[in-house]
Amino acid sequence: MFKRTPPPALFAFLSSFRSHSSHSPLFTKLPPTSLPLLTHSQHLHSLEKQSQSTIMATTEGSAAGNPHAAGVIYVDGVPTKETRLTLGGAISVSPMAIGTWAWGDSTWGYKPEMFDDLAATWDALQDDSGINFFDTAEVYGRGESERIIGRLLKKSSAEGKPIPIVATKFMPFPWRLRYPTSLLNALKNSMERLGVDVVDLLQIHGPVSLRGIEILGDALAESVKLGLVKSVGVSNYSIDEMVRMHAALAKHGIQLASNQVEFSLLRRHPETSGLIAKCHELGVAVLAYSPLGMGRLSGKYSAENPPPSGRRFSNYPMTELVPLLSVMEKIAKAHDKPMTAVALNYTICKGTIPLGGARNPEQARQNAMALGWRLSDDEMAELDKVAMIGSTGFFWQHA
């Protein structure tokens, strides 16, 4: 069943998931919601009740297997506020997004009194940034990130403002074994927290399920056929895993919309491994999480002022990043942009959609400054020379 056989120590590690108290998304248990859950047979009955025309429209008009029909999935030119990309042939998004792990999660020091700052950030992004795309997950803050976004969506609706695109993620914990029921129940809980009738993009959070990729693919397909989801994606999937999921969805006439991976000047591995190129070949958008190296590329930190502990992605000592940060600073000054904008523009130039974090209006403004210009080929080559390649991990980061 499995392409990778975990060692005995990993089985013991997996068995500890239920009782682990860490705030990491890998270990978080989610609180129950008031939403009634459905049994497997009820899900099947619900699917049978869907009109044939709805299911046929899903399959016959599909972009699956035809990357050109999937739409434009990366920027080939200057990214602007008006630029829109198409994911899965279904949703239209800005060339960069806002990652919201820090919205509601104590890992990032969130406290309820910080909500007003997030609301101001949301307003600033909607007013003039051109960014219409937000990414969250059921495990961020034990669902609090989704609840916060749900409150903000309700606020925008009441104010008559455009409703942005929201992506969320399903965590395939090892104890979630009954599909499609496990996924659909979790999805309905996410929808309740978000306050939506349909999710724009549902992603598998990581390759940690004890069930096969094809089984997860069938569950994702059912969520689309039931009209609960507009598009579906994956995260941290290797080339082989992504290709298998693409094929599994194509059998249902559904295009795999995205693969979300860690990609930045501190981790070029998805590019050097060929994953980005393969995604583009299949019409799969690449969403780049941690494009600022968890703040290390923002210009805020240095060897004398390192970032807080616990920021595990791209966890290089700041002393090793001096050559890279020096080049970034030089380029930033040449363009009169913050270093944040250089880091984000770099990932856009590499054919990805970066998910930059922002917890206040100023950070949102700096992120938005990555739009409206493009690094030159010479600048990209200079940055490549001092960038880090990074590596994969057995358990979580396969890409």
Protein backbone atom coordinates (compact mmCIF):
# COMPACT_ATOMS: atom_id res chain seq x y z
CA MET A 1 0.00 0.00 0.00
CA PHE A 2 2.77 2.39 0.90
CA LYS A 3 5.64 3.61 -1.22
CA ARG A 4 7.53 4.51 1.95
CA THR A 5 7.79 2.04 4.84
CA PRO A 6 8.13 3.85 8.17
CA PRO A 7 10.67 2.45 10.64
CA PRO A 8 9.38 1.07 13.97
CA ALA A 9 10.32 4.30 15.75
CA LEU A 10 7.99 6.24 13.48
CA PHE A 11 5.06 3.97 14.30
CA ALA A 12 5.64 4.76 17.97
CA PHE A 13 5.84 8.44 17.04
CA LEU A 14 2.54 8.28 15.18
CA SER A 15 0.84 6.52 18.07
CA SER A 16 1.67 9.46 20.32
CA PHE A 17 -0.38 11.90 18.20
CA ARG A 18 -3.56 11.61 20.26
CA SER A 19 -1.98 12.65 23.54
CA HIS A 20 0.77 15.03 22.41
CA SER A 21 0.39 18.53 23.86
CA SER A 22 2.53 20.46 21.37
CA HIS A 23 0.99 23.43 19.56
CA SER A 24 2.51 22.24 16.29
CA PRO A 25 -0.03 21.65 13.49
CA LEU A 26 1.29 18.10 13.33
CA PHE A 27 0.02 17.26 16.81
CA THR A 28 -2.96 19.52 17.42
CA LYS A 29 -6.25 17.83 18.32
CA LEU A 30 -9.24 19.84 17.24
CA PRO A 31 -12.10 20.72 19.58
CA PRO A 32 -15.56 19.44 18.71
CA THR A 33 -18.10 21.69 17.01
CA SER A 34 -21.87 21.80 17.21
CA LEU A 35 -22.23 20.70 13.58
CA PRO A 36 -23.91 17.27 13.27
CA LEU A 37 -21.54 14.72 11.73
CA LEU A 38 -22.58 12.30 9.05
CA THR A 39 -22.00 8.58 8.83
CA HIS A 40 -20.37 6.96 5.82
CA SER A 41 -23.72 5.66 4.56
CA GLN A 42 -25.31 9.11 4.92
CA HIS A 43 -22.53 10.59 2.80
CA LEU A 44 -23.10 7.99 0.10
CA HIS A 45 -26.84 8.64 0.18
CA SER A 46 -26.20 12.39 -0.10
CA LEU A 47 -23.98 11.85 -3.12
CA GLU A 48 -26.61 9.69 -4.81
CA LYS A 49 -29.12 12.53 -4.39
CA GLN A 50 -26.92 14.98 -6.31
CA SER A 51 -28.41 15.80 -9.68
CA GLN A 52 -26.82 14.04 -12.63
CA SER A 53 -26.41 17.39 -14.35
CA THR A 54 -24.25 18.71 -11.50
CA ILE A 55 -21.93 15.72 -11.60
CA MET A 56 -21.73 15.79 -15.39
CA ALA A 57 -20.88 19.49 -15.31
CA THR A 58 -18.02 18.68 -12.92
CA THR A 59 -16.55 16.04 -15.18
CA GLU A 60 -17.36 17.08 -18.73
CA GLY A 61 -16.15 20.66 -18.35
CA SER A 62 -13.04 19.62 -16.50
CA ALA A 63 -9.50 20.80 -17.14
CA ALA A 64 -8.06 17.54 -15.78
CA GLY A 65 -5.22 16.21 -17.89
CA ASN A 66 -5.06 19.42 -19.93
CA PRO A 67 -2.76 21.95 -18.23
CA HIS A 68 -3.64 24.66 -20.74
CA ALA A 69 -7.35 24.36 -19.90
CA ALA A 70 -6.48 24.67 -16.21
CA GLY A 71 -5.79 28.37 -16.79
CA VAL A 72 -2.80 30.64 -16.11
CA ILE A 73 -1.23 29.36 -12.89
CA TYR A 74 1.87 31.57 -12.55
CA VAL A 75 3.04 35.03 -13.55
CA ASP A 76 5.20 35.29 -16.65
CA GLY A 77 5.90 39.00 -16.59
CA VAL A 78 5.31 41.79 -14.09
CA PRO A 79 2.88 40.84 -11.29
CA THR A 80 0.39 43.63 -10.62
CA LYS A 81 -2.57 44.32 -8.36
CA GLU A 82 -4.82 43.50 -11.29
CA THR A 83 -3.12 40.20 -12.18
CA ARG A 84 -5.28 37.15 -11.64
CA LEU A 85 -4.31 33.48 -11.85
CA THR A 86 -6.66 30.51 -12.20
CA LEU A 87 -6.39 27.48 -9.93
CA GLY A 88 -7.96 24.21 -10.95
CA GLY A 89 -9.88 26.00 -13.68
CA ALA A 90 -12.21 27.12 -10.87
CA ILE A 91 -10.98 30.07 -8.76
CA SER A 92 -9.34 33.37 -9.69
CA VAL A 93 -6.61 34.52 -7.29
CA SER A 94 -4.04 37.29 -6.92
CA PRO A 95 -0.37 36.47 -7.68
CA MET A 96 0.37 36.35 -3.96
CA ALA A 97 -1.61 35.35 -0.88
CA ILE A 98 -1.64 35.90 2.87
CA GLY A 99 -0.80 32.92 5.05
CA THR A 100 -2.74 32.96 8.33
CA TRP A 101 -1.05 30.38 10.55
CA ALA A 102 -0.26 33.23 12.96
CA TRP A 103 -3.91 34.34 13.07
CA GLY A 104 -5.19 32.69 16.23
CA ASP A 105 -2.29 30.32 16.92
CA SER A 106 -0.37 30.56 20.20
CA THR A 107 2.72 29.23 18.40
CA TRP A 108 3.05 32.82 17.14
CA GLY A 109 2.05 34.38 20.44
CA TYR A 110 -1.53 35.15 19.44
CA LYS A 111 -3.85 36.60 22.07
CA PRO A 112 -7.54 37.52 21.61
CA GLU A 113 -6.79 41.22 22.02
CA MET A 114 -4.77 41.04 18.78
CA PHE A 115 -7.95 40.57 16.73
CA ASP A 116 -8.31 44.30 16.07
CA ASP A 117 -4.87 44.37 14.43
CA LEU A 118 -5.88 41.46 12.22
CA ALA A 119 -9.13 43.20 11.29
CA ALA A 120 -7.15 46.32 10.33
CA THR A 121 -4.78 44.15 8.30
CA TRP A 122 -7.73 42.54 6.53
CA ASP A 123 -9.17 45.97 5.69
CA ALA A 124 -5.81 47.28 4.45
CA LEU A 125 -5.41 44.30 2.15
CA GLN A 126 -8.92 44.67 0.76
CA ASP A 127 -8.73 48.42 0.26
CA ASP A 128 -5.85 48.76 -2.18
CA SER A 129 -3.40 45.86 -2.20
CA GLY A 130 -4.98 43.77 -4.94
CA ILE A 131 -4.45 40.67 -2.76
CA ASN A 132 -7.65 38.61 -2.66
CA PHE A 133 -6.33 35.24 -1.47
CA PHE A 134 -6.01 33.92 2.11
CA ASP A 135 -4.74 30.53 3.26
CA THR A 136 -5.65 28.87 6.56
CA ALA A 137 -6.03 25.34 8.00
CA GLU A 138 -8.21 23.45 10.45
CA VAL A 139 -5.27 22.94 12.82
CA TYR A 140 -4.09 26.57 12.97
CA GLY A 141 -4.91 27.63 16.51
CA ARG A 142 -7.13 24.54 16.90
CA GLY A 143 -9.54 26.08 14.40
CA GLU A 144 -9.22 29.66 15.69
CA SER A 145 -7.63 30.89 12.45
CA GLU A 146 -10.70 29.72 10.55
CA ARG A 147 -12.99 31.34 13.12
CA ILE A 148 -11.16 34.66 12.79
CA ILE A 149 -11.43 34.56 9.01
CA GLY A 150 -15.10 33.67 9.37
CA ARG A 151 -15.65 36.80 11.46
CA LEU A 152 -13.81 38.91 8.89
CA LEU A 153 -15.74 37.41 5.98
CA LYS A 154 -18.96 38.30 7.78
CA LYS A 155 -17.64 41.83 8.35
CA SER A 156 -16.79 42.28 4.65
CA SER A 157 -20.20 40.98 3.63
CA ALA A 158 -21.97 43.41 5.98
CA GLU A 159 -19.90 46.29 4.60
CA GLY A 160 -20.65 45.34 1.00
CA LYS A 161 -16.99 44.64 0.21
CA PRO A 162 -15.77 41.93 -2.20
CA ILE A 163 -15.37 38.52 -0.59
CA PRO A 164 -11.83 37.18 -1.01
CA ILE A 165 -10.79 33.67 -1.93
CA VAL A 166 -10.13 31.46 1.12
CA ALA A 167 -8.18 28.20 1.07
CA THR A 168 -8.10 25.81 4.00
CA LYS A 169 -6.51 22.45 4.73
CA PHE A 170 -7.56 19.05 6.01
CA MET A 171 -5.04 17.27 8.23
CA PRO A 172 -5.04 13.53 7.43
CA PHE A 173 -4.10 12.45 10.95
CA PRO A 174 -3.13 8.75 11.11
CA TRP A 175 -6.24 7.98 13.16
CA ARG A 176 -8.48 9.40 10.42
CA LEU A 177 -8.93 6.17 8.51
CA ARG A 178 -12.52 6.14 7.25
CA TYR A 179 -12.79 7.95 3.92
CA PRO A 180 -14.56 9.89 2.59
CA THR A 181 -16.32 10.31 5.95
CA SER A 182 -13.27 11.59 7.87
CA LEU A 183 -12.55 14.27 5.29
CA LEU A 184 -16.16 15.34 4.77
CA ASN A 185 -16.88 15.64 8.49
CA ALA A 186 -13.75 17.74 9.00
CA LEU A 187 -14.65 19.83 5.97
CA LYS A 188 -18.11 20.58 7.31
CA ASN A 189 -16.56 21.68 10.61
CA SER A 190 -14.20 24.00 8.72
CA MET A 191 -17.15 25.41 6.78
CA GLU A 192 -18.98 26.11 10.03
CA ARG A 193 -15.98 27.94 11.50
CA LEU A 194 -15.53 29.93 8.28
CA GLY A 195 -19.25 30.60 7.97
CA VAL A 196 -19.35 29.56 4.31
CA ASP A 197 -21.51 27.25 2.19
CA VAL A 198 -18.63 26.27 -0.08
CA VAL A 199 -14.83 26.26 0.32
CA ASP A 200 -12.83 27.82 -2.50
CA LEU A 201 -9.81 25.52 -2.16
CA LEU A 202 -9.46 22.45 0.09
CA GLN A 203 -5.97 21.03 0.48
CA ILE A 204 -4.55 17.87 2.03
CA HIS A 205 -2.19 19.38 4.62
CA GLY A 206 0.57 16.82 4.40
CA PRO A 207 1.55 13.30 3.28
CA VAL A 208 0.97 11.72 6.69
CA SER A 209 -2.13 9.59 6.10
CA LEU A 210 -2.02 5.84 6.66
CA ARG A 211 -4.41 5.47 3.72
CA GLY A 212 -3.37 5.54 0.08
CA ILE A 213 -3.19 8.68 -2.04
CA GLU A 214 -5.92 7.35 -4.32
CA ILE A 215 -8.30 6.97 -1.37
CA LEU A 216 -7.68 10.57 -0.35
CA GLY A 217 -8.14 11.59 -3.98
CA ASP A 218 -11.54 9.89 -4.10
CA ALA A 219 -12.54 11.75 -0.92
CA LEU A 220 -11.46 15.09 -2.37
CA ALA A 221 -13.39 14.31 -5.54
CA GLU A 222 -16.52 13.58 -3.51
CA SER A 223 -16.23 16.95 -1.77
CA VAL A 224 -16.29 18.61 -5.21
CA LYS A 225 -19.18 16.50 -6.48
CA LEU A 226 -21.19 17.31 -3.36
CA GLY A 227 -20.76 21.00 -4.13
CA LEU A 228 -18.87 21.65 -0.88
CA VAL A 229 -15.61 22.63 -2.56
CA LYS A 230 -14.70 24.51 -5.74
CA SER A 231 -11.13 23.21 -6.14
CA VAL A 232 -8.74 20.82 -4.38
CA GLY A 233 -5.02 20.68 -3.74
CA VAL A 234 -2.26 19.07 -1.71
CA SER A 235 0.64 20.26 0.42
CA ASN A 236 4.18 18.97 0.97
CA TYR A 237 3.70 16.29 -1.71
CA SER A 238 6.72 14.99 -3.63
CA ILE A 239 6.72 14.79 -7.41
CA ASP A 240 5.62 11.14 -7.38
CA GLU A 241 2.91 11.75 -4.77
CA MET A 242 1.64 14.79 -6.63
CA VAL A 243 1.53 12.91 -9.95
CA ARG A 244 -0.46 10.11 -8.29
CA MET A 245 -2.95 12.56 -6.82
CA HIS A 246 -3.28 14.35 -10.16
CA ALA A 247 -4.09 11.02 -11.82
CA ALA A 248 -6.50 9.99 -9.07
CA LEU A 249 -8.49 13.21 -9.45
CA ALA A 250 -8.36 13.10 -13.25
CA LYS A 251 -10.32 9.82 -13.12
CA HIS A 252 -13.15 11.93 -11.68
CA GLY A 253 -12.64 14.67 -14.25
CA ILE A 254 -11.15 17.01 -11.63
CA GLN A 255 -7.95 19.03 -12.03
CA LEU A 256 -5.51 19.07 -9.12
CA ALA A 257 -5.37 22.81 -8.40
CA SER A 258 -2.24 23.22 -6.28
CA ASN A 259 0.67 21.81 -4.33
CA GLN A 260 1.70 23.95 -1.36
CA VAL A 261 5.36 23.59 -0.42
CA GLU A 262 8.00 25.50 1.49
CA PHE A 263 9.85 27.58 -1.09
CA SER A 264 11.99 30.67 -0.61
CA LEU A 265 15.52 32.00 -0.92
CA LEU A 266 16.21 29.72 2.05
CA ARG A 267 14.77 26.62 0.40
CA ARG A 268 15.07 26.27 -3.37
CA HIS A 269 14.66 22.50 -3.27
CA PRO A 270 11.21 22.45 -4.95
CA GLU A 271 12.82 24.22 -7.90
CA THR A 272 16.12 22.33 -8.09
CA SER A 273 14.37 18.97 -7.68
CA GLY A 274 12.14 19.66 -10.69
CA LEU A 275 8.91 19.77 -8.66
CA ILE A 276 7.91 23.28 -9.76
CA ALA A 277 8.48 22.41 -13.42
CA LYS A 278 6.45 19.19 -13.08
CA CYS A 279 3.62 21.06 -11.40
CA HIS A 280 3.52 23.55 -14.25
CA GLU A 281 3.56 20.72 -16.77
CA LEU A 282 0.43 19.26 -15.16
CA GLY A 283 -1.36 22.58 -14.69
CA VAL A 284 -0.84 22.52 -10.91
CA ALA A 285 -0.17 25.87 -9.22
CA VAL A 286 2.66 25.98 -6.69
CA LEU A 287 1.78 27.78 -3.46
CA ALA A 288 4.96 28.80 -1.61
CA TYR A 289 4.63 28.80 2.17
CA SER A 290 7.21 30.41 4.43
CA PRO A 291 8.48 32.62 1.55
CA LEU A 292 10.07 34.94 4.12
CA GLY A 293 11.85 32.12 5.95
CA MET A 294 9.65 32.67 9.03
CA GLY A 295 10.86 36.28 9.18
CA ARG A 296 14.54 35.63 8.53
CA LEU A 297 14.32 37.33 5.10
CA SER A 298 12.29 40.33 6.27
CA GLY A 299 15.25 42.49 7.29
CA LYS A 300 13.96 42.50 10.85
CA TYR A 301 16.46 39.97 12.21
CA SER A 302 20.24 39.66 12.23
CA ALA A 303 23.01 37.67 13.92
CA GLU A 304 22.79 40.11 16.82
CA ASN A 305 18.98 40.02 16.87
CA PRO A 306 17.91 36.49 15.84
CA PRO A 307 14.26 35.46 15.43
CA PRO A 308 12.43 33.86 18.38
CA SER A 309 13.04 30.17 18.97
CA GLY A 310 10.60 27.61 17.61
CA ARG A 311 10.50 28.86 14.02
CA ARG A 312 11.56 25.52 12.64
CA PHE A 313 11.26 25.98 8.87
CA SER A 314 14.54 27.09 7.21
CA ASN A 315 16.10 27.25 10.65
CA TYR A 316 19.54 28.53 9.65
CA PRO A 317 21.72 30.51 12.07
CA MET A 318 21.55 34.17 11.05
CA THR A 319 25.34 34.22 10.75
CA GLU A 320 25.07 31.85 7.77
CA LEU A 321 22.64 34.18 6.02
CA VAL A 322 24.85 37.28 5.95
CA PRO A 323 25.88 36.89 2.26
CA LEU A 324 22.25 36.38 1.17
CA LEU A 325 20.89 39.22 3.27
CA SER A 326 23.59 41.56 1.96
CA VAL A 327 22.59 40.89 -1.66
CA MET A 328 18.92 41.27 -0.80
CA GLU A 329 19.56 44.59 0.92
CA LYS A 330 21.48 45.90 -2.09
CA ILE A 331 18.69 44.93 -4.49
CA ALA A 332 16.03 46.34 -2.17
CA LYS A 333 17.78 49.71 -2.10
CA ALA A 334 18.13 49.72 -5.89
CA HIS A 335 14.36 49.29 -6.28
CA ASP A 336 13.42 51.38 -3.24
CA LYS A 337 11.57 48.38 -1.80
CA PRO A 338 11.68 46.59 1.56
CA MET A 339 13.60 43.32 1.74
CA THR A 340 10.26 41.57 2.26
CA ALA A 341 9.20 42.63 -1.23
CA VAL A 342 12.43 41.30 -2.74
CA ALA A 343 11.93 37.90 -1.11
CA LEU A 344 8.30 37.66 -2.28
CA ASN A 345 9.04 38.92 -5.80
CA TYR A 346 11.76 36.28 -6.10
CA THR A 347 9.28 33.46 -5.45
CA ILE A 348 6.83 34.96 -7.96
CA CYS A 349 9.58 35.11 -10.58
CA LYS A 350 10.20 31.41 -9.95
CA GLY A 351 6.63 30.57 -10.94
CA THR A 352 5.00 30.26 -7.52
CA ILE A 353 2.30 32.06 -5.54
CA PRO A 354 3.88 33.13 -2.23
CA LEU A 355 1.90 33.00 1.03
CA GLY A 356 3.41 35.84 3.02
CA GLY A 357 2.38 36.32 6.61
CA ALA A 358 1.00 39.65 7.86
CA ARG A 359 -0.28 40.48 11.35
CA ASN A 360 -0.58 44.25 11.04
CA PRO A 361 -1.30 46.78 8.27
CA GLU A 362 2.38 47.72 7.87
CA GLN A 363 3.38 44.12 7.18
CA ALA A 364 0.52 43.88 4.70
CA ARG A 365 1.73 47.04 2.98
CA GLN A 366 5.27 45.70 2.71
CA ASN A 367 3.99 42.42 1.25
CA ALA A 368 1.95 44.30 -1.36
CA MET A 369 5.10 46.15 -2.45
CA ALA A 370 6.22 42.89 -4.10
CA LEU A 371 3.72 43.70 -6.87
CA GLY A 372 4.16 46.17 -9.72
CA TRP A 373 7.73 45.26 -10.66
CA ARG A 374 9.95 42.28 -11.42
CA LEU A 375 13.50 41.31 -10.55
CA SER A 376 15.86 41.31 -13.54
CA ASP A 377 17.49 38.13 -14.81
CA ASP A 378 20.84 39.35 -13.48
CA GLU A 379 19.36 40.03 -10.05
CA MET A 380 17.74 36.59 -9.99
CA ALA A 381 21.06 34.96 -10.90
CA GLU A 382 22.83 36.93 -8.17
CA LEU A 383 20.27 35.82 -5.61
CA ASP A 384 20.45 32.20 -6.77
CA LYS A 385 24.19 32.16 -6.06
CA VAL A 386 23.70 32.98 -2.38
CA ALA A 387 20.36 31.22 -1.79
CA MET A 388 20.02 27.96 0.14
CA ILE A 389 18.86 24.70 -1.44
CA GLY A 390 17.46 23.02 1.66
CA SER A 391 16.34 19.41 1.88
CA THR A 392 13.32 17.15 2.32
CA GLY A 393 12.21 15.21 5.38
CA PHE A 394 11.02 11.63 5.73
CA PHE A 395 7.88 12.49 7.64
CA TRP A 396 6.49 15.91 6.62
CA GLN A 397 8.25 17.73 3.79
CA HIS A 398 8.45 15.36 0.84
CA ALA A 399 8.70 18.20 -1.68
